[in-house]
Amino acid sequence: MGGGASEFRGQKRQGREQLEAWARSHGGPAAESATADVKKRDTHRFEQWLEGQLQVNRETLAQQNRFP
């Protein structure tokens, strides 16, 4: 009897996971349980890229003696 209940819970969980996967693949919102433990972090990729570009431009201008 215990095996039937655990089998049923497993099928129910698998069905829910399939529905959530289908929703994600078709642009639907993610289920809250799927994103509950995801930690968001700030990345400053654009700022890092921009600083790198400024550094390269400054070096280029310094080599050409056109540094303002």
N, C-alpha and C. Protein backbone atom coordinates (compact mmCIF):
# COMPACT_ATOMS: atom_id res chain seq x y z
N MET A 1 0.82 -1.20 0.00
CA MET A 1 0.00 0.00 0.00
C MET A 1 0.86 1.26 0.00
N GLY A 2 1.98 1.22 0.75
CA GLY A 2 2.87 2.37 0.78
C GLY A 2 3.51 2.62 -0.57
N GLY A 3 3.78 1.56 -1.31
CA GLY A 3 4.40 1.71 -2.62
C GLY A 3 3.50 2.43 -3.59
N GLY A 4 2.20 2.18 -3.52
CA GLY A 4 1.27 2.84 -4.42
C GLY A 4 1.20 4.35 -4.19
N ALA A 5 1.24 4.75 -2.91
CA ALA A 5 1.18 6.18 -2.59
C ALA A 5 2.44 6.90 -3.04
N SER A 6 3.60 6.29 -2.81
CA SER A 6 4.84 6.94 -3.23
C SER A 6 4.96 6.97 -4.75
N GLU A 7 4.45 5.95 -5.40
CA GLU A 7 4.45 5.93 -6.87
C GLU A 7 3.56 7.04 -7.40
N PHE A 8 2.41 7.24 -6.77
CA PHE A 8 1.49 8.29 -7.18
C PHE A 8 2.13 9.67 -7.01
N ARG A 9 2.83 9.88 -5.86
CA ARG A 9 3.49 11.16 -5.62
C ARG A 9 4.59 11.40 -6.66
N GLY A 10 5.30 10.35 -7.01
CA GLY A 10 6.35 10.47 -8.01
C GLY A 10 5.79 10.85 -9.37
N GLN A 11 4.67 10.26 -9.74
CA GLN A 11 4.03 10.59 -11.02
C GLN A 11 3.51 12.02 -10.99
N LYS A 12 2.96 12.43 -9.85
CA LYS A 12 2.43 13.79 -9.73
C LYS A 12 3.58 14.81 -9.86
N ARG A 13 4.71 14.53 -9.19
CA ARG A 13 5.86 15.42 -9.26
C ARG A 13 6.41 15.48 -10.68
N GLN A 14 6.49 14.32 -11.33
CA GLN A 14 7.00 14.27 -12.70
C GLN A 14 6.08 15.06 -13.64
N GLY A 15 4.78 14.93 -13.46
CA GLY A 15 3.84 15.68 -14.28
C GLY A 15 3.98 17.18 -14.09
N ARG A 16 4.17 17.60 -12.83
CA ARG A 16 4.35 19.02 -12.54
C ARG A 16 5.64 19.52 -13.17
N GLU A 17 6.71 18.73 -13.07
CA GLU A 17 7.99 19.13 -13.67
C GLU A 17 7.87 19.24 -15.19
N GLN A 18 7.12 18.34 -15.80
CA GLN A 18 6.93 18.40 -17.25
C GLN A 18 6.16 19.66 -17.64
N LEU A 19 5.13 19.99 -16.87
CA LEU A 19 4.37 21.20 -17.16
C LEU A 19 5.22 22.45 -17.00
N GLU A 20 6.05 22.48 -15.96
CA GLU A 20 6.93 23.63 -15.75
C GLU A 20 7.96 23.74 -16.87
N ALA A 21 8.50 22.61 -17.30
CA ALA A 21 9.46 22.61 -18.40
C ALA A 21 8.81 23.08 -19.69
N TRP A 22 7.60 22.63 -19.93
CA TRP A 22 6.88 23.07 -21.13
C TRP A 22 6.65 24.58 -21.09
N ALA A 23 6.25 25.09 -19.93
CA ALA A 23 6.00 26.52 -19.79
C ALA A 23 7.29 27.32 -20.03
N ARG A 24 8.41 26.84 -19.48
CA ARG A 24 9.68 27.55 -19.68
C ARG A 24 10.08 27.54 -21.14
N SER A 25 9.91 26.41 -21.82
CA SER A 25 10.35 26.32 -23.21
C SER A 25 9.45 27.10 -24.15
N HIS A 26 8.25 27.42 -23.72
CA HIS A 26 7.33 28.18 -24.56
C HIS A 26 7.16 29.61 -24.08
N GLY A 27 8.10 30.10 -23.28
CA GLY A 27 8.11 31.50 -22.88
C GLY A 27 7.18 31.84 -21.74
N GLY A 28 6.67 30.86 -21.07
CA GLY A 28 5.81 31.13 -19.93
C GLY A 28 6.61 31.52 -18.71
N PRO A 29 5.96 32.05 -17.71
CA PRO A 29 6.69 32.43 -16.50
C PRO A 29 7.16 31.18 -15.76
N ALA A 30 8.29 31.29 -15.12
CA ALA A 30 8.83 30.16 -14.36
C ALA A 30 8.03 30.00 -13.08
N ALA A 31 7.88 28.79 -12.65
CA ALA A 31 7.18 28.53 -11.39
C ALA A 31 8.00 29.09 -10.24
N GLU A 32 7.33 29.52 -9.20
CA GLU A 32 8.05 30.09 -8.08
C GLU A 32 8.96 29.07 -7.43
N SER A 33 8.57 27.81 -7.43
CA SER A 33 9.42 26.79 -6.82
C SER A 33 10.72 26.62 -7.60
N ALA A 34 10.70 26.89 -8.89
CA ALA A 34 11.89 26.73 -9.71
C ALA A 34 12.89 27.86 -9.47
N THR A 35 12.42 29.03 -9.06
CA THR A 35 13.31 30.17 -8.87
C THR A 35 13.44 30.57 -7.41
N ALA A 36 12.89 29.79 -6.51
CA ALA A 36 12.88 30.17 -5.09
C ALA A 36 14.28 30.23 -4.51
N ASP A 37 15.15 29.30 -4.86
CA ASP A 37 16.48 29.26 -4.26
C ASP A 37 17.57 29.82 -5.15
N VAL A 38 17.20 30.50 -6.22
CA VAL A 38 18.19 31.08 -7.12
C VAL A 38 18.62 32.43 -6.57
N LYS A 39 19.92 32.57 -6.40
CA LYS A 39 20.45 33.82 -5.88
C LYS A 39 20.79 34.73 -7.06
N LYS A 40 20.28 35.94 -7.01
CA LYS A 40 20.58 36.89 -8.07
C LYS A 40 21.83 37.65 -7.67
N ARG A 41 22.67 37.90 -8.67
CA ARG A 41 23.87 38.65 -8.40
C ARG A 41 23.98 39.78 -9.42
N ASP A 42 24.53 40.86 -8.96
CA ASP A 42 24.73 41.99 -9.85
C ASP A 42 26.02 41.78 -10.63
N THR A 43 25.91 41.89 -11.92
CA THR A 43 27.10 41.86 -12.75
C THR A 43 27.18 43.20 -13.46
N HIS A 44 28.35 43.69 -13.54
CA HIS A 44 28.56 45.00 -14.16
C HIS A 44 29.39 44.81 -15.42
N ARG A 45 28.92 43.93 -16.27
CA ARG A 45 29.68 43.61 -17.48
C ARG A 45 29.84 44.82 -18.38
N PHE A 46 28.77 45.60 -18.53
CA PHE A 46 28.88 46.77 -19.40
C PHE A 46 29.89 47.76 -18.84
N GLU A 47 29.83 47.99 -17.54
CA GLU A 47 30.79 48.91 -16.92
C GLU A 47 32.21 48.41 -17.08
N GLN A 48 32.42 47.09 -16.92
CA GLN A 48 33.75 46.53 -17.09
C GLN A 48 34.21 46.67 -18.53
N TRP A 49 33.31 46.44 -19.47
CA TRP A 49 33.66 46.58 -20.89
C TRP A 49 34.00 48.03 -21.21
N LEU A 50 33.19 48.96 -20.69
CA LEU A 50 33.41 50.37 -20.96
C LEU A 50 34.73 50.85 -20.38
N GLU A 51 35.04 50.41 -19.16
CA GLU A 51 36.33 50.78 -18.57
C GLU A 51 37.48 50.24 -19.42
N GLY A 52 37.34 49.03 -19.92
CA GLY A 52 38.36 48.46 -20.79
C GLY A 52 38.53 49.26 -22.07
N GLN A 53 37.42 49.68 -22.66
CA GLN A 53 37.49 50.48 -23.88
C GLN A 53 38.14 51.83 -23.61
N LEU A 54 37.81 52.45 -22.49
CA LEU A 54 38.43 53.73 -22.14
C LEU A 54 39.93 53.57 -21.95
N GLN A 55 40.33 52.48 -21.30
CA GLN A 55 41.76 52.23 -21.08
C GLN A 55 42.49 52.07 -22.41
N VAL A 56 41.91 51.30 -23.33
CA VAL A 56 42.53 51.10 -24.64
C VAL A 56 42.62 52.42 -25.39
N ASN A 57 41.56 53.21 -25.35
CA ASN A 57 41.56 54.49 -26.06
C ASN A 57 42.58 55.45 -25.46
N ARG A 58 42.69 55.47 -24.13
CA ARG A 58 43.68 56.34 -23.49
C ARG A 58 45.10 55.93 -23.88
N GLU A 59 45.34 54.62 -23.90
CA GLU A 59 46.67 54.15 -24.29
C GLU A 59 46.98 54.51 -25.74
N THR A 60 45.98 54.38 -26.61
CA THR A 60 46.17 54.71 -28.03
C THR A 60 46.45 56.20 -28.19
N LEU A 61 45.70 57.03 -27.49
CA LEU A 61 45.92 58.48 -27.58
C LEU A 61 47.27 58.86 -26.99
N ALA A 62 47.69 58.20 -25.93
CA ALA A 62 48.98 58.51 -25.32
C ALA A 62 50.11 58.14 -26.26
N GLN A 63 49.97 57.05 -26.99
CA GLN A 63 51.00 56.64 -27.95
C GLN A 63 51.08 57.62 -29.11
N GLN A 64 49.95 58.24 -29.45
CA GLN A 64 49.92 59.18 -30.57
C GLN A 64 50.17 60.61 -30.11
N ASN A 65 50.45 60.78 -28.83
CA ASN A 65 50.67 62.11 -28.24
C ASN A 65 49.49 63.04 -28.45
N ARG A 66 48.31 62.52 -28.44
CA ARG A 66 47.09 63.33 -28.59
C ARG A 66 46.24 63.26 -27.32
N PHE A 67 46.84 62.95 -26.23
CA PHE A 67 46.08 62.81 -24.99
C PHE A 67 45.64 64.19 -24.50
N PRO A 68 44.35 64.37 -24.28
CA PRO A 68 43.87 65.70 -23.87
C PRO A 68 44.29 66.07 -22.46
